[in-house]
Amino acid sequence: MPGDVSGQNVLMVSADRGVVAGERGPFHYMLEAFSRHWERVDVIGTRPERVVDTRVFGNVHLHHPTTGKLRQAGFIARTGKRLAAERPYTVITSHDYNPFYNGLGAWRISKATGIPYVAELHHVPGHPRPADLRERVDKVVTRRYARWALKRAAGFRVVNDTELPALLRSWGVPDERIHVLPSMYLDREVFRPDASVAPDVDALFVGRLVPNKGAAVVLEAVAAVRAAGGPALRVRLLGRGPLADALDARARSLGIAALVERVDWVPDAEALADLYRRARLLVCASYSEGGPRVVPEAMACGTPVASTPVGIVPDLVDDGRNGLLFDGSVAGLTRALHAFFGETGREQAVRAALPPAGMERFDREAVIGRLADGLKAIAAAARAR
């Protein structure tokens, strides 16, 4: 457990709008553990669809605007300066992504108050592979932001030690300004096997319905397996996003609408773990990821995974032994599905190799504790410079 946290406050500039709406997603559970390492946590988020709670876990205070993105940087700066006038803060964190109003707002607070700010790049759209033209633009803009922030931020927090540190180095960010503080954690009392649960679906996709998550690739591959005389695989898509209607239309045009079930949201981690256990295979088709969280969660539940080699996946999935890797293409996923569902004994062998060894490194309390300590250390080093 953390020691004395008196006077240690953190100001988080976040993309989240779910916690204030009463949703129990990953950020909710992160804050539950994170809050124990600070006297007070203030979160400045984006405009929510509804407001249910403005304070959670006793010391986490949520601040959200009623205006849109064009005014977000100003809202962040005004709110942060007001809060900083009321109490001292150890550090500011900024979850940064194009159009970088979070980073701009965090820097304005930092410039006015002297509180160090840490630029958090959880992933860079378009890296290692772009999903569309927008992601190509995002990568270029992110590079420009990184060069701008290099002169202003206390450091860059990244969440994996492979893809993003190398990318930032190639952009001119020195090693001492790159801090690997993973966000991937598991509550292993929730995400665990349960032999009493029988699968009721063949393939499960979990993720936001946006181009870089690759949900369309999943539908195309399922249709290709069926067209080649393979099994009619039942698919469950869990997630919300702007591509929902387009994916429904694509399933109809492929003739697999009756095989596809869409679930917008589940209420908590327990319900998500139940969906993992009820699937024969989790498919992660992401083009780029900071995690992806869904892969270790599913593997911890004893559910095999077919995934692109993004983020931490290569560290977890031993291709052909405890999971399957594919290149992100429809053809690549089609081959993986044929192998998993069509080769005698393959599914049983992969399932028997789960959960993989070393899952204890994802224990939530330890991961979040290292994150809190790391942010405090970055801030202390910045103040000492």
Protein backbone atom coordinates (compact mmCIF):
# COMPACT_ATOMS: atom_id res chain seq x y z
CA MET A 1 0.00 0.00 0.00
CA PRO A 2 1.19 3.56 -0.63
CA GLY A 3 2.63 5.55 2.25
CA ASP A 4 1.75 9.07 3.31
CA VAL A 5 0.22 10.95 0.37
CA SER A 6 -0.51 14.20 2.20
CA GLY A 7 -0.07 17.18 -0.09
CA GLN A 8 0.43 15.00 -3.17
CA ASN A 9 -2.20 15.96 -5.72
CA VAL A 10 -2.41 15.17 -9.43
CA LEU A 11 -4.23 16.97 -12.21
CA MET A 12 -5.17 14.69 -15.10
CA VAL A 13 -6.21 16.04 -18.51
CA SER A 14 -8.07 13.14 -20.07
CA ALA A 15 -10.10 12.09 -23.07
CA ASP A 16 -12.48 10.23 -20.80
CA ARG A 17 -16.16 11.05 -20.52
CA GLY A 18 -17.36 7.68 -19.27
CA VAL A 19 -16.62 7.85 -15.56
CA VAL A 20 -18.68 11.03 -15.12
CA ALA A 21 -21.51 9.25 -16.94
CA GLY A 22 -21.41 6.37 -14.45
CA GLU A 23 -19.74 3.86 -16.78
CA ARG A 24 -17.34 1.29 -15.33
CA GLY A 25 -14.76 1.04 -18.08
CA PRO A 26 -10.95 0.68 -17.83
CA PHE A 27 -10.41 4.28 -16.71
CA HIS A 28 -12.89 3.84 -13.84
CA TYR A 29 -10.97 0.85 -12.51
CA MET A 30 -7.63 2.60 -13.09
CA LEU A 31 -8.80 5.57 -11.00
CA GLU A 32 -9.97 3.26 -8.23
CA ALA A 33 -6.39 2.07 -7.67
CA PHE A 34 -4.69 5.34 -8.69
CA SER A 35 -6.66 7.36 -6.15
CA ARG A 36 -4.93 5.55 -3.29
CA HIS A 37 -1.58 7.09 -4.27
CA TRP A 38 -2.69 10.73 -4.00
CA GLU A 39 -4.41 13.00 -1.53
CA ARG A 40 -6.57 14.33 -4.35
CA VAL A 41 -7.04 13.54 -8.05
CA ASP A 42 -8.67 16.06 -10.38
CA VAL A 43 -9.68 14.88 -13.85
CA ILE A 44 -10.49 17.35 -16.63
CA GLY A 45 -12.34 15.44 -19.33
CA THR A 46 -14.34 16.08 -22.48
CA ARG A 47 -18.02 16.90 -22.85
CA PRO A 48 -20.09 13.92 -21.62
CA GLU A 49 -23.42 12.66 -22.87
CA ARG A 50 -24.73 12.74 -19.31
CA VAL A 51 -23.49 13.52 -15.81
CA VAL A 52 -24.07 10.94 -13.08
CA ASP A 53 -21.09 11.45 -10.75
CA THR A 54 -18.71 14.36 -10.32
CA ARG A 55 -16.80 12.70 -7.48
CA VAL A 56 -15.79 9.05 -7.18
CA PHE A 57 -13.68 7.01 -4.74
CA GLY A 58 -13.84 9.87 -2.24
CA ASN A 59 -10.94 11.93 -3.57
CA VAL A 60 -11.35 11.87 -7.37
CA HIS A 61 -13.06 15.00 -8.70
CA LEU A 62 -14.37 15.14 -12.27
CA HIS A 63 -14.55 18.36 -14.31
CA HIS A 64 -16.25 18.31 -17.71
CA PRO A 65 -17.26 21.09 -20.11
CA THR A 66 -20.64 21.76 -21.65
CA THR A 67 -19.07 23.10 -24.84
CA GLY A 68 -17.45 21.28 -27.78
CA LYS A 69 -13.90 20.53 -28.84
CA LEU A 70 -13.12 23.95 -30.28
CA ARG A 71 -13.25 25.43 -26.78
CA GLN A 72 -11.66 22.47 -24.99
CA ALA A 73 -8.13 23.87 -24.64
CA GLY A 74 -9.51 27.04 -23.07
CA PHE A 75 -11.72 25.06 -20.68
CA ILE A 76 -8.75 22.93 -19.64
CA ALA A 77 -6.55 25.97 -19.03
CA ARG A 78 -9.19 27.89 -17.06
CA THR A 79 -10.19 24.91 -14.95
CA GLY A 80 -6.61 23.89 -14.25
CA LYS A 81 -5.52 27.39 -13.24
CA ARG A 82 -8.51 27.68 -10.91
CA LEU A 83 -7.73 24.36 -9.27
CA ALA A 84 -4.03 25.20 -8.97
CA ALA A 85 -4.95 28.42 -7.15
CA GLU A 86 -6.80 26.32 -4.56
CA ARG A 87 -4.08 23.71 -3.80
CA PRO A 88 -0.61 22.57 -4.90
CA TYR A 89 -0.23 19.84 -7.52
CA THR A 90 2.70 17.49 -7.90
CA VAL A 91 2.22 16.90 -11.61
CA ILE A 92 -0.13 17.37 -14.56
CA THR A 93 -0.73 14.47 -16.96
CA SER A 94 -2.11 15.01 -20.44
CA HIS A 95 -3.55 12.19 -22.59
CA ASP A 96 -2.45 13.52 -25.97
CA TYR A 97 -3.84 12.88 -29.43
CA ASN A 98 -4.69 14.94 -32.51
CA PRO A 99 -5.88 17.79 -32.39
CA PHE A 100 -3.85 18.05 -29.15
CA TYR A 101 -6.11 20.44 -27.30
CA ASN A 102 -5.32 18.42 -24.16
CA GLY A 103 -1.61 19.07 -24.52
CA LEU A 104 -2.14 22.73 -25.35
CA GLY A 105 -4.40 23.20 -22.33
CA ALA A 106 -2.02 21.30 -20.02
CA TRP A 107 0.94 23.38 -21.20
CA ARG A 108 -0.99 26.60 -20.55
CA ILE A 109 -1.63 25.46 -16.97
CA SER A 110 2.01 24.45 -16.57
CA LYS A 111 3.29 27.74 -17.99
CA ALA A 112 1.08 29.76 -15.65
CA THR A 113 1.75 27.74 -12.49
CA GLY A 114 5.13 26.04 -12.89
CA ILE A 115 3.60 22.58 -12.35
CA PRO A 116 5.40 20.04 -14.59
CA TYR A 117 3.24 18.37 -17.21
CA VAL A 118 3.78 14.92 -18.67
CA ALA A 119 2.66 14.27 -22.26
CA GLU A 120 1.10 10.81 -22.49
CA LEU A 121 1.13 9.10 -25.89
CA HIS A 122 -0.80 5.88 -25.41
CA HIS A 123 -0.51 5.09 -29.09
CA VAL A 124 0.17 6.93 -32.33
CA PRO A 125 -2.51 6.52 -35.01
CA GLY A 126 -0.97 5.23 -38.21
CA HIS A 127 1.88 3.44 -36.42
CA PRO A 128 2.89 0.81 -37.20
CA ARG A 129 0.21 0.68 -39.92
CA PRO A 130 -2.36 3.31 -40.97
CA ALA A 131 -6.02 2.36 -41.30
CA ASP A 132 -6.86 5.29 -43.58
CA LEU A 133 -5.75 8.73 -44.77
CA ARG A 134 -6.84 10.30 -41.48
CA GLU A 135 -4.36 8.15 -39.60
CA ARG A 136 -1.56 9.10 -41.98
CA VAL A 137 -2.30 12.74 -41.19
CA ASP A 138 -2.56 11.98 -37.47
CA LYS A 139 0.93 10.49 -37.45
CA VAL A 140 2.41 13.57 -39.13
CA VAL A 141 0.63 15.90 -36.71
CA THR A 142 1.72 13.78 -33.74
CA ARG A 143 5.33 14.08 -34.86
CA ARG A 144 4.99 17.86 -34.95
CA TYR A 145 3.37 17.87 -31.52
CA ALA A 146 6.16 15.71 -30.07
CA ARG A 147 8.77 18.16 -31.31
CA TRP A 148 6.76 21.07 -29.87
CA ALA A 149 6.21 19.33 -26.54
CA LEU A 150 9.87 18.35 -26.24
CA LYS A 151 10.63 21.96 -25.26
CA ARG A 152 7.68 22.25 -22.90
CA ALA A 153 6.77 18.92 -21.28
CA ALA A 154 8.64 17.33 -18.38
CA GLY A 155 8.71 14.10 -20.38
CA PHE A 156 6.76 11.68 -22.52
CA ARG A 157 4.95 8.77 -20.95
CA VAL A 158 4.47 5.75 -23.22
CA VAL A 159 2.75 2.51 -22.31
CA ASN A 160 4.86 -0.12 -24.07
CA ASP A 161 8.61 -0.51 -24.40
CA THR A 162 8.78 -1.54 -28.04
CA GLU A 163 6.94 0.51 -30.68
CA LEU A 164 6.62 3.97 -29.20
CA PRO A 165 10.08 4.52 -27.65
CA ALA A 166 11.69 3.69 -31.01
CA LEU A 167 9.30 6.00 -32.83
CA LEU A 168 9.95 8.90 -30.44
CA ARG A 169 13.71 8.40 -30.76
CA SER A 170 13.38 8.60 -34.53
CA TRP A 171 11.61 11.93 -34.01
CA GLY A 172 14.50 13.33 -31.98
CA VAL A 173 13.25 12.71 -28.44
CA PRO A 174 16.19 11.69 -26.21
CA ASP A 175 15.98 8.53 -24.11
CA GLU A 176 15.97 10.43 -20.82
CA ARG A 177 12.71 12.13 -21.79
CA ILE A 178 10.94 8.86 -22.66
CA HIS A 179 9.32 7.08 -19.71
CA VAL A 180 7.79 3.62 -20.11
CA LEU A 181 4.95 3.41 -17.61
CA PRO A 182 2.53 0.70 -18.77
CA SER A 183 -1.21 1.09 -18.40
CA MET A 184 -1.97 -2.58 -18.93
CA TYR A 185 -3.26 -4.05 -15.69
CA LEU A 186 -5.50 -6.93 -14.71
CA ASP A 187 -7.69 -7.63 -11.73
CA ARG A 188 -6.87 -11.32 -11.70
CA GLU A 189 -9.72 -12.05 -9.32
CA VAL A 190 -12.06 -10.98 -12.14
CA PHE A 191 -10.14 -12.02 -15.27
CA ARG A 192 -9.60 -15.73 -14.63
CA PRO A 193 -10.72 -19.03 -16.15
CA ASP A 194 -14.06 -20.51 -15.17
CA ALA A 195 -14.55 -24.07 -16.38
CA SER A 196 -18.28 -23.89 -15.63
CA VAL A 197 -18.86 -21.37 -18.46
CA ALA A 198 -19.42 -22.88 -21.91
CA PRO A 199 -18.73 -20.85 -25.09
CA ASP A 200 -21.83 -19.68 -26.94
CA VAL A 201 -20.07 -17.82 -29.77
CA ASP A 202 -17.12 -18.66 -32.00
CA ALA A 203 -15.34 -15.32 -32.38
CA LEU A 204 -15.46 -12.24 -30.16
CA PHE A 205 -14.31 -8.73 -31.09
CA VAL A 206 -13.97 -6.11 -28.34
CA GLY A 207 -13.14 -2.53 -29.25
CA ARG A 208 -14.33 0.84 -30.40
CA LEU A 209 -15.95 0.68 -33.84
CA VAL A 210 -13.46 2.87 -35.67
CA PRO A 211 -11.26 2.07 -38.69
CA ASN A 212 -8.01 1.26 -36.89
CA LYS A 213 -9.61 -1.45 -34.73
CA GLY A 214 -10.26 -3.61 -37.81
CA ALA A 215 -13.79 -4.87 -37.09
CA ALA A 216 -14.53 -4.89 -40.83
CA VAL A 217 -11.58 -7.27 -41.34
CA VAL A 218 -13.21 -9.68 -38.89
CA LEU A 219 -16.49 -9.68 -40.84
CA GLU A 220 -14.72 -10.11 -44.18
CA ALA A 221 -12.66 -13.04 -42.87
CA VAL A 222 -15.68 -14.79 -41.35
CA ALA A 223 -17.48 -14.49 -44.69
CA ALA A 224 -14.38 -15.80 -46.52
CA VAL A 225 -14.20 -18.87 -44.26
CA ARG A 226 -17.84 -19.65 -45.00
CA ALA A 227 -17.44 -19.04 -48.74
CA ALA A 228 -14.52 -21.50 -48.82
CA GLY A 229 -16.68 -24.26 -47.36
CA GLY A 230 -15.61 -23.75 -43.77
CA PRO A 231 -17.89 -23.43 -40.74
CA ALA A 232 -20.46 -20.67 -40.36
CA LEU A 233 -18.74 -18.88 -37.48
CA ARG A 234 -20.87 -16.97 -35.02
CA VAL A 235 -19.44 -13.56 -34.19
CA ARG A 236 -20.09 -11.14 -31.34
CA LEU A 237 -18.94 -7.53 -31.74
CA LEU A 238 -18.69 -5.63 -28.45
CA GLY A 239 -18.22 -1.90 -28.85
CA ARG A 240 -19.64 1.44 -29.90
CA GLY A 241 -18.48 3.91 -32.49
CA PRO A 242 -19.13 5.71 -35.76
CA LEU A 243 -18.82 2.57 -37.90
CA ALA A 244 -21.68 0.71 -36.22
CA ASP A 245 -24.22 1.23 -39.00
CA ALA A 246 -21.65 0.60 -41.73
CA LEU A 247 -20.62 -2.70 -40.10
CA ASP A 248 -24.25 -3.80 -39.87
CA ALA A 249 -24.68 -3.00 -43.57
CA ARG A 250 -21.48 -4.84 -44.46
CA ALA A 251 -22.62 -7.95 -42.57
CA ARG A 252 -25.87 -7.91 -44.56
CA SER A 253 -24.06 -7.49 -47.88
CA LEU A 254 -21.73 -10.39 -47.02
CA GLY A 255 -24.71 -12.59 -46.19
CA ILE A 256 -23.61 -13.18 -42.59
CA ALA A 257 -25.97 -10.83 -40.72
CA ALA A 258 -27.64 -13.79 -39.00
CA LEU A 259 -24.24 -14.85 -37.65
CA VAL A 260 -23.31 -11.46 -36.20
CA GLU A 261 -24.44 -10.15 -32.83
CA ARG A 262 -23.61 -6.61 -31.77
CA VAL A 263 -23.37 -5.53 -28.12
CA ASP A 264 -22.86 -1.83 -27.45
CA TRP A 265 -21.62 -1.98 -23.87
CA VAL A 266 -21.30 -4.15 -20.78
CA PRO A 267 -21.72 -2.62 -17.31
CA ASP A 268 -18.52 -3.73 -15.60
CA ALA A 269 -15.38 -5.87 -15.68
CA GLU A 270 -17.21 -8.95 -14.42
CA ALA A 271 -19.60 -8.83 -17.39
CA LEU A 272 -16.68 -8.36 -19.80
CA ALA A 273 -14.83 -11.34 -18.32
CA ASP A 274 -17.98 -13.42 -18.79
CA LEU A 275 -18.06 -12.53 -22.51
CA TYR A 276 -14.42 -13.57 -22.90
CA ARG A 277 -15.16 -16.96 -21.35
CA ARG A 278 -18.21 -17.43 -23.57
CA ALA A 279 -16.10 -17.09 -26.74
CA ARG A 280 -14.00 -19.80 -28.37
CA LEU A 281 -11.63 -17.16 -29.76
CA LEU A 282 -10.98 -13.45 -29.28
CA VAL A 283 -9.95 -11.62 -32.46
CA CYS A 284 -7.90 -8.42 -32.24
CA ALA A 285 -7.45 -6.90 -35.71
CA SER A 286 -6.03 -3.53 -34.66
CA TYR A 287 -3.73 -1.55 -36.92
CA SER A 288 -2.10 0.20 -33.94
CA GLU A 289 -2.44 -0.05 -30.17
CA GLY A 290 -0.96 1.08 -26.90
CA GLY A 291 -1.98 -2.23 -25.30
CA PRO A 292 -4.20 -3.78 -26.48
CA ARG A 293 -5.91 -4.49 -23.18
CA VAL A 294 -8.29 -7.06 -24.63
CA VAL A 295 -5.55 -9.57 -25.45
CA PRO A 296 -4.19 -10.22 -21.94
CA GLU A 297 -7.69 -9.95 -20.48
CA ALA A 298 -8.96 -12.72 -22.74
CA MET A 299 -5.86 -14.88 -22.22
CA ALA A 300 -6.19 -14.49 -18.44
CA CYS A 301 -9.73 -15.86 -18.78
CA GLY A 302 -8.40 -18.88 -20.68
CA THR A 303 -9.75 -17.67 -24.04
CA PRO A 304 -7.44 -18.11 -27.06
CA VAL A 305 -6.51 -15.07 -29.12
CA ALA A 306 -5.86 -14.36 -32.80
CA SER A 307 -4.24 -10.94 -33.05
CA THR A 308 -2.15 -8.60 -35.11
CA PRO A 309 1.36 -8.16 -33.64
CA VAL A 310 0.68 -4.71 -32.16
CA GLY A 311 1.73 -3.21 -28.83
CA ILE A 312 2.47 -5.84 -26.20
CA VAL A 313 0.97 -8.72 -28.20
CA PRO A 314 4.31 -10.20 -29.38
CA ASP A 315 5.38 -10.43 -25.73
CA LEU A 316 2.30 -12.51 -24.87
CA VAL A 317 1.35 -14.57 -27.91
CA ASP A 318 3.65 -17.39 -28.98
CA ASP A 319 2.26 -17.94 -32.47
CA GLY A 320 0.78 -21.40 -32.86
CA ARG A 321 1.29 -22.41 -29.24
CA ASN A 322 -0.83 -20.18 -26.98
CA GLY A 323 -2.44 -18.06 -29.70
CA LEU A 324 -2.27 -17.01 -33.32
CA LEU A 325 -0.71 -13.96 -34.98
CA PHE A 326 -1.76 -12.58 -38.36
CA ASP A 327 -0.71 -9.63 -40.48
CA GLY A 328 -3.92 -7.61 -40.28
CA SER A 329 -5.18 -8.58 -43.72
CA VAL A 330 -8.43 -10.39 -44.48
CA ALA A 331 -6.43 -13.23 -46.03
CA GLY A 332 -4.20 -13.47 -42.98
CA LEU A 333 -7.11 -13.65 -40.55
CA THR A 334 -8.92 -16.11 -42.81
CA ARG A 335 -5.91 -18.44 -42.63
CA ALA A 336 -5.79 -18.07 -38.85
CA LEU A 337 -9.49 -18.89 -38.51
CA HIS A 338 -9.14 -21.91 -40.78
CA ALA A 339 -6.22 -23.14 -38.67
CA PHE A 340 -7.89 -22.59 -35.31
CA PHE A 341 -11.32 -23.97 -36.16
CA GLY A 342 -10.36 -26.42 -38.88
CA GLU A 343 -7.19 -28.19 -37.78
CA THR A 344 -7.82 -31.20 -35.56
CA GLY A 345 -6.76 -30.53 -32.00
CA ARG A 346 -5.56 -26.97 -32.61
CA GLU A 347 -8.19 -25.24 -30.48
CA GLN A 348 -7.72 -27.67 -27.60
CA ALA A 349 -3.93 -27.34 -27.69
CA VAL A 350 -3.99 -23.55 -27.70
CA ARG A 351 -6.56 -23.40 -24.92
CA ALA A 352 -4.47 -25.78 -22.81
CA ALA A 353 -1.55 -23.32 -22.93
CA LEU A 354 -3.59 -20.58 -21.23
CA PRO A 355 -3.28 -18.48 -19.18
CA PRO A 356 0.36 -17.89 -20.07
CA ALA A 357 3.06 -17.68 -17.42
CA GLY A 358 3.98 -14.27 -16.08
CA MET A 359 0.51 -12.76 -15.86
CA GLU A 360 1.33 -11.56 -12.35
CA ARG A 361 3.26 -8.66 -13.90
CA PHE A 362 -0.13 -7.20 -14.85
CA ASP A 363 -1.50 -7.13 -11.30
CA ARG A 364 -3.49 -3.93 -11.07
CA GLU A 365 -2.19 -2.60 -7.75
CA ALA A 366 1.46 -3.08 -8.74
CA VAL A 367 1.05 -1.56 -12.22
CA ILE A 368 -0.84 1.48 -10.97
CA GLY A 369 1.59 1.91 -8.09
CA ARG A 370 4.52 2.02 -10.52
CA LEU A 371 2.63 4.54 -12.64
CA ALA A 372 2.02 6.87 -9.69
CA ASP A 373 5.62 6.59 -8.50
CA GLY A 374 6.91 7.16 -12.03
CA LEU A 375 4.88 10.33 -12.50
CA LYS A 376 6.11 11.69 -9.18
CA ALA A 377 9.70 10.94 -10.18
CA ILE A 378 9.34 12.68 -13.57
CA ALA A 379 7.95 15.77 -11.86
CA ALA A 380 10.71 15.81 -9.25
CA ALA A 381 13.40 15.53 -11.95
CA ALA A 382 11.79 18.36 -13.93
CA ARG A 383 11.76 20.62 -10.90
CA ALA A 384 15.41 19.81 -10.22
CA ARG A 385 16.51 20.83 -13.73
